[in-house]
Amino acid sequence: MGQTQDRGSEDIVVLAPQAAEAAAFFDSLGLGYQHAFEGRKTSQIQAASA
């Protein structure tokens, strides 16, 4: 998928163009999910702790 470059204490991953596009698309889905489930977090937390 990509190469890792050692930068001392930090590793930087260099993605192939296709992988970078896929990562950007996946990240964009998170915002849609956040908007779709806004205000429901309290119910989710209560259900999980029951």
Protein backbone atom coordinates (compact mmCIF):
# COMPACT_ATOMS: atom_id res chain seq x y z
CA MET A 1 0.00 0.00 0.00
CA GLY A 2 2.76 2.43 0.84
CA GLN A 3 6.24 2.85 2.19
CA THR A 4 7.25 3.83 5.69
CA GLN A 5 10.00 6.37 6.06
CA ASP A 6 11.85 6.46 9.37
CA ARG A 7 12.03 10.02 10.70
CA GLY A 8 13.57 9.41 14.09
CA SER A 9 10.80 9.03 16.63
CA GLU A 10 8.08 9.45 13.99
CA ASP A 11 7.23 7.21 11.06
CA ILE A 12 5.70 8.80 7.99
CA VAL A 13 3.70 6.58 5.65
CA VAL A 14 3.79 7.51 1.98
CA LEU A 15 0.71 6.13 0.24
CA ALA A 16 0.35 5.11 -3.37
CA PRO A 17 -2.03 7.48 -5.23
CA GLN A 18 -4.87 4.93 -5.24
CA ALA A 19 -4.47 4.27 -1.53
CA ALA A 20 -4.46 8.01 -0.79
CA GLU A 21 -7.72 8.40 -2.73
CA ALA A 22 -9.28 5.49 -0.85
CA ALA A 23 -8.14 6.94 2.49
CA ALA A 24 -9.63 10.34 1.63
CA PHE A 25 -12.93 8.71 0.66
CA PHE A 26 -13.01 6.67 3.88
CA ASP A 27 -12.32 9.82 5.93
CA SER A 28 -15.20 11.61 4.19
CA LEU A 29 -17.58 8.85 5.26
CA GLY A 30 -16.85 9.64 8.91
CA LEU A 31 -18.34 13.12 8.63
CA GLY A 32 -21.54 11.71 7.10
CA TYR A 33 -21.75 9.12 9.88
CA GLN A 34 -21.24 11.83 12.49
CA HIS A 35 -24.08 13.92 11.08
CA ALA A 36 -26.38 10.91 10.71
CA PHE A 37 -25.99 9.90 14.36
CA GLU A 38 -25.69 13.28 16.07
CA GLY A 39 -27.65 13.41 19.29
CA ARG A 40 -27.84 9.63 19.62
CA LYS A 41 -24.61 9.18 21.51
CA THR A 42 -26.30 9.36 24.92
CA SER A 43 -28.61 6.48 24.03
CA GLN A 44 -25.71 4.44 22.71
CA ILE A 45 -23.72 4.96 25.89
CA GLN A 46 -26.69 4.00 28.05
CA ALA A 47 -27.35 0.86 26.01
CA ALA A 48 -23.72 -0.22 26.19
CA SER A 49 -23.48 0.28 29.95
CA ALA A 50 -26.70 -1.61 30.74
